Protein backbone atom coordinates (compact mmCIF):
# COMPACT_ATOMS: atom_id res chain seq x y z
CA MET A 1 10.27 -21.73 -13.18
CA ASN A 2 6.64 -22.81 -13.13
CA SER A 3 4.22 -21.89 -15.90
CA LEU A 4 1.98 -18.94 -15.12
CA SER A 5 -1.57 -19.50 -13.98
CA LYS A 6 -4.46 -18.06 -15.98
CA LYS A 7 -6.09 -16.98 -12.71
CA TYR A 8 -3.62 -14.09 -12.53
CA LEU A 9 -4.86 -12.62 -15.83
CA PHE A 10 -7.42 -9.80 -15.83
CA GLU A 11 -8.92 -10.15 -19.28
CA GLN A 12 -11.36 -7.29 -18.68
CA ASN A 13 -8.36 -4.94 -18.60
CA PHE A 14 -6.78 -6.16 -21.83
CA SER A 15 -6.04 -3.25 -24.16
CA SER A 16 -4.30 -2.16 -27.33
CA LYS A 17 -1.54 -0.36 -25.41
CA LYS A 18 1.91 -1.18 -26.76
CA ASN A 19 4.04 -0.69 -23.63
CA LEU A 20 4.15 -2.60 -20.35
CA VAL A 21 5.03 -1.52 -16.80
CA VAL A 22 5.96 -4.39 -14.47
CA LEU A 23 5.97 -3.77 -10.72
CA VAL A 24 8.07 -6.37 -8.92
CA GLY A 25 8.49 -6.86 -5.18
CA HIS A 26 6.57 -6.42 -1.93
CA LEU A 27 3.55 -4.11 -2.05
CA ARG A 28 4.51 -2.25 1.15
CA SER A 29 3.63 1.46 0.72
CA ILE A 30 1.95 1.18 -2.69
CA GLU A 31 -1.42 2.44 -1.40
CA TYR A 32 0.17 5.88 -0.82
CA LEU A 33 1.69 5.93 -4.33
CA LEU A 34 -1.25 4.81 -6.46
CA LYS A 35 -1.72 8.16 -8.19
CA TYR A 36 1.95 8.24 -9.16
CA HIS A 37 1.82 4.72 -10.58
CA LYS A 38 -1.32 5.68 -12.47
CA LYS A 39 0.42 8.72 -13.90
CA LEU A 40 3.29 6.56 -15.16
CA LEU A 41 0.83 4.17 -16.81
CA ASP A 42 -1.11 7.02 -18.43
CA VAL A 43 1.89 9.02 -19.64
CA SER A 44 3.74 5.97 -20.96
CA LYS A 45 0.54 4.46 -22.41
CA SER A 46 1.27 1.16 -20.71
CA ASP A 47 -0.47 -1.94 -19.46
CA LEU A 48 0.38 -2.99 -15.92
CA ALA A 49 1.61 -6.32 -14.58
CA ILE A 50 2.35 -6.91 -10.89
CA SER A 51 4.41 -9.76 -9.46
CA THR A 52 4.56 -9.59 -5.68
CA TRP A 53 5.20 -11.74 -2.62
CA PHE A 54 2.62 -12.68 -0.01
CA ASP A 55 3.09 -10.47 3.05
CA GLU A 56 1.01 -10.98 6.19
CA ASN A 57 1.39 -7.27 6.97
CA ASP A 58 -0.54 -6.20 3.87
CA LYS A 59 -4.00 -4.82 4.55
CA ASP A 60 -6.92 -7.09 3.68
CA ASP A 61 -8.37 -4.68 1.11
CA LEU A 62 -5.06 -3.59 -0.43
CA ARG A 63 -5.23 -5.92 -3.41
CA GLU A 64 -8.74 -4.75 -4.35
CA LYS A 65 -7.70 -1.13 -3.96
CA ILE A 66 -4.81 -1.68 -6.39
CA ILE A 67 -6.99 -3.54 -8.90
CA ASN A 68 -9.68 -0.85 -8.87
CA SER A 69 -7.20 2.00 -9.16
CA LEU A 70 -4.60 0.67 -11.62
CA ASN A 71 -6.50 -1.91 -13.71
CA PRO A 72 -3.68 -4.45 -14.08
CA VAL A 73 -3.71 -7.02 -16.85
CA TYR A 74 -1.74 -9.41 -14.64
CA PHE A 75 -1.45 -9.60 -10.85
CA GLU A 76 0.26 -12.55 -9.14
CA THR A 77 1.08 -13.08 -5.48
CA GLU A 78 3.60 -15.80 -4.64
CA GLN A 79 4.48 -17.36 -1.31
CA PHE A 80 8.25 -17.11 -1.06
CA ASN A 81 10.12 -20.39 -0.95
CA PHE A 82 13.92 -20.76 -1.19
CA ASN A 83 13.43 -23.58 -3.70
CA LEU A 84 12.00 -21.11 -6.20
CA THR A 85 15.47 -19.60 -6.56
CA ILE A 86 17.47 -22.81 -7.00
CA ASN A 87 17.01 -23.01 -10.78
CA THR A 88 18.48 -19.50 -11.03
CA PHE A 89 21.21 -19.47 -8.35
CA GLY A 90 21.75 -23.11 -7.43
CA GLU A 91 21.79 -24.63 -3.96
CA LEU A 92 22.71 -22.91 -0.70
CA ASN A 93 26.36 -21.77 -0.78
CA LYS A 94 28.95 -19.59 0.94
CA PHE A 95 27.36 -16.31 -0.16
CA ASP A 96 24.04 -17.34 1.34
CA LEU A 97 25.77 -18.14 4.62
CA MET A 98 27.92 -15.01 4.54
CA PHE A 99 25.18 -12.49 3.80
CA GLY A 100 22.11 -14.17 5.25
CA LYS A 101 18.97 -12.09 4.62
CA ALA A 102 20.76 -9.88 2.08
CA ALA A 103 21.64 -12.92 -0.02
CA LEU A 104 18.07 -14.22 0.28
CA SER A 105 16.81 -10.82 -0.88
CA THR A 106 19.12 -10.96 -3.89
CA ARG A 107 17.90 -14.43 -4.78
CA SER A 108 14.24 -13.40 -4.52
CA GLN A 109 14.63 -10.16 -6.48
CA ILE A 110 16.64 -11.63 -9.35
CA TYR A 111 14.21 -14.56 -9.50
CA LYS A 112 11.33 -12.11 -9.86
CA ILE A 113 13.10 -9.98 -12.48
CA SER A 114 14.03 -13.06 -14.48
CA LYS A 115 10.39 -14.18 -14.37
CA ILE A 116 9.26 -11.02 -16.19
CA GLY A 117 10.10 -12.73 -19.50
CA LYS A 118 7.44 -15.39 -18.88
CA ILE A 119 4.92 -12.72 -17.88
CA ILE A 120 5.57 -10.80 -21.11
CA GLU A 121 5.18 -13.97 -23.16
CA LYS A 122 1.93 -14.93 -21.37
CA LEU A 123 0.41 -11.47 -21.87
CA GLU A 124 1.44 -11.24 -25.52
CA ILE A 125 -0.04 -14.65 -26.35
CA SER A 126 -3.22 -13.92 -24.40
CA GLN A 127 -3.75 -10.53 -26.03
CA LYS A 128 -2.38 -11.47 -29.47
CA LYS A 129 -0.02 -8.50 -29.52
CA LYS A 130 3.65 -7.73 -28.98
CA TYR A 131 4.84 -5.03 -26.58
CA ASP A 132 7.18 -2.30 -27.73
CA ILE A 133 8.78 -1.05 -24.48
CA ILE A 134 9.05 -2.72 -21.07
CA ILE A 135 9.48 -0.67 -17.88
CA LYS A 136 10.52 -2.42 -14.66
CA SER A 137 9.72 -0.68 -11.39
CA ARG A 138 8.66 -1.50 -7.80
CA PRO A 139 5.32 -1.22 -5.98
CA ASP A 140 6.95 0.85 -3.21
CA LEU A 141 8.91 3.14 -5.55
CA PHE A 142 7.89 6.80 -5.63
CA LEU A 143 8.47 8.19 -9.12
CA ASN A 144 7.63 11.78 -10.03
CA SER A 145 9.39 12.13 -13.38
CA ASN A 146 8.38 11.34 -16.93
CA LEU A 147 10.45 8.73 -18.75
CA ASN A 148 11.99 9.50 -22.12
CA LEU A 149 10.93 6.49 -24.17
CA LYS A 150 12.06 7.90 -27.52
CA ASN A 151 15.05 6.75 -29.55
CA LEU A 152 15.80 3.79 -27.30
CA GLU A 153 17.04 1.55 -30.12
CA SER A 154 19.22 -1.05 -28.33
CA LYS A 155 19.76 0.91 -25.11
CA ILE A 156 18.87 -0.15 -21.57
CA VAL A 157 18.21 2.89 -19.38
CA PHE A 158 18.74 2.71 -15.60
CA GLU A 159 17.80 5.23 -12.93
CA ASN A 160 20.93 6.59 -11.23
CA THR A 161 19.43 8.86 -8.57
CA ILE A 162 19.78 6.26 -5.83
CA GLY A 163 22.68 4.10 -6.96
CA ASP A 164 26.41 4.54 -7.62
CA TRP A 165 27.18 4.21 -11.32
CA ASN A 166 30.80 3.23 -10.65
CA LYS A 167 29.79 0.25 -8.50
CA ASP A 168 26.34 -0.97 -9.50
CA ARG A 169 23.29 -0.82 -11.74
CA SER A 170 19.86 -0.14 -10.31
CA ASP A 171 17.43 -3.01 -9.91
CA ARG A 172 14.70 -0.51 -8.96
CA LEU A 173 13.82 1.16 -12.27
CA PHE A 174 15.07 0.41 -15.77
CA PHE A 175 13.50 0.18 -19.21
CA ALA A 176 14.27 -0.83 -22.78
CA LYS A 177 12.71 -1.94 -26.04
CA ARG A 178 11.00 -5.28 -25.61
CA ASN A 179 13.59 -7.55 -27.25
CA GLN A 180 16.55 -5.85 -25.60
CA PHE A 181 14.78 -5.98 -22.23
CA VAL A 182 14.18 -9.72 -22.55
CA THR A 183 17.78 -10.31 -23.66
CA PHE A 184 18.98 -8.41 -20.59
CA ILE A 185 16.85 -10.24 -18.01
CA ASN A 186 17.75 -13.58 -19.63
CA SER A 187 21.41 -12.69 -19.08
CA LEU A 188 20.76 -12.57 -15.34
CA SER A 189 19.72 -16.21 -15.36
CA LYS A 190 22.56 -17.07 -17.72
CA HIS A 191 25.25 -15.81 -15.33
CA ALA A 192 23.61 -16.31 -11.92
CA LYS A 193 24.80 -19.80 -10.94
CA LYS A 194 28.41 -19.15 -11.91
CA CYS A 195 28.49 -15.64 -10.47
CA TRP A 196 26.91 -16.63 -7.19
CA ASP A 197 29.99 -18.71 -6.40
CA GLU A 198 32.73 -16.29 -7.53
CA GLU A 199 33.96 -13.46 -5.34
CA ILE A 200 35.31 -11.58 -8.37
CA VAL A 201 31.71 -10.74 -9.32
CA TYR A 202 31.29 -8.79 -6.09
CA PRO A 203 34.35 -6.49 -5.91
CA ILE A 204 33.03 -4.81 -2.77
CA LEU A 205 31.81 -7.69 -0.66
CA HIS A 206 30.70 -5.50 2.22
CA LEU A 207 28.46 -3.52 -0.12
CA ILE A 208 24.84 -4.63 0.14
CA PRO A 209 22.61 -5.24 -1.76
CA LEU A 210 24.52 -7.73 -3.88
CA GLN A 211 22.02 -7.77 -6.74
CA GLU A 212 23.03 -4.31 -7.94
CA GLN A 213 26.66 -5.39 -8.29
CA PHE A 214 25.50 -8.55 -10.03
CA ILE A 215 23.42 -6.57 -12.53
CA LYS A 216 26.44 -4.38 -13.31
CA TYR A 217 28.52 -7.51 -13.85
CA CYS A 218 25.98 -8.84 -16.37
CA CYS A 219 25.81 -5.48 -18.17
CA ASP A 220 29.61 -5.36 -18.45
CA LYS A 221 29.98 -9.02 -19.38
CA GLU A 222 27.39 -8.83 -22.17
CA LYS A 223 28.54 -5.34 -23.26
CA PHE A 224 24.99 -3.98 -23.23
CA ASP A 225 24.43 -0.46 -24.50
CA ILE A 226 23.44 1.23 -21.24
CA GLU A 227 22.50 4.74 -20.22
CA TYR A 228 21.60 6.47 -16.95
CA PHE A 229 19.18 9.20 -15.95
CA PHE A 230 18.31 11.03 -12.72
CA PRO A 231 14.57 10.89 -12.02
CA VAL A 232 12.81 12.23 -8.94
CA ILE A 233 12.63 8.86 -7.26
CA LYS A 234 12.78 7.21 -3.83
CA VAL A 235 11.95 3.88 -2.22
CA TRP A 236 8.98 5.10 -0.17
CA ARG A 237 8.76 3.89 3.42
CA PRO A 238 6.46 6.41 5.23
CA LYS A 239 2.84 5.40 5.82
CA LYS A 240 1.56 8.52 4.10
CA GLU A 241 1.52 10.14 0.67
CA PRO A 242 4.59 12.18 -0.29
CA ALA A 243 4.17 15.84 0.73
CA LEU A 244 5.48 18.81 -1.27
CA LYS A 245 8.49 19.14 1.04
CA ASP A 246 9.30 15.45 0.50
CA ILE A 247 9.14 15.83 -3.27
CA PHE A 248 11.30 18.97 -3.12
CA LYS A 249 14.01 17.16 -1.13
CA ILE A 250 13.99 14.20 -3.53
CA ARG A 251 14.19 16.55 -6.53
CA ILE A 252 17.15 18.42 -5.02
CA HIS A 253 18.89 15.09 -4.39
CA ALA A 254 18.41 14.05 -8.03
CA ILE A 255 19.78 17.38 -9.31
CA SER A 256 22.75 17.17 -6.94
CA LYS A 257 23.60 13.64 -8.08
CA SER A 258 23.45 14.74 -11.72
CA ILE A 259 25.73 17.73 -11.15
CA LEU A 260 28.20 15.72 -9.07
CA LEU A 261 28.54 13.06 -11.77
CA LYS A 262 29.13 15.73 -14.45
CA ILE A 263 31.89 17.25 -12.29
CA LYS A 264 33.52 13.83 -11.82
CA ILE A 265 33.44 13.18 -15.55
CA LEU A 266 34.80 16.66 -16.34
CA PHE A 267 37.77 16.28 -14.00
CA GLY A 268 38.27 12.56 -14.56
CA ILE A 269 37.60 11.67 -10.93
């Protein structure tokens, strides 16, 4: 994984904030979610780092709009290349051929998540400080819930509104204390090459995306102390800001998921 360029640093936005939000992935609908990302940064008292892919569909002024609104301390845009993922997953193999674009998406997303460790290190050295809590999210993720950042100790907390706790762990939103977060993302790189060639890692091979099953495998293998929560959250695709009716539907979905899981636990389903 290449060293990080200083050109991606925004020294004018350096601060004394002790937490860090990292947005990873394509920018997509972020322009309609800026106020929600800003709220997360304000409430969690966090710096912001963004690691995205070049996308020819992004508007010309989108980057400047993000910079002016969210004041990131780090903002990198990479041109995707399969070779970037080889150090993590190894060469092209049967899973790549079997799942095509889904496998490529898994490679790119785990590569980006694994790279967060280098971003944290770069920012801490540049600002001469150490972060306390790291929050991983996505540019196109609508979040309208506050995160409980107290009493984390060694826990890693995953959103469970979208996923299935029995089958996977969310790659969309999770957070932990700094050292535990880094240990967790390092485990992804530790297991990736071996796992990418073993069907036992993916018990439900028709279930896509693969990366969520892979993350669960790493959590189980390393016996991490994990916890779930049900935020008002959704991968946002519409080319508009969320309306009240949209937020209401997402909130109802989160409540329903929470109640359903409690019933399953109560009756041992």
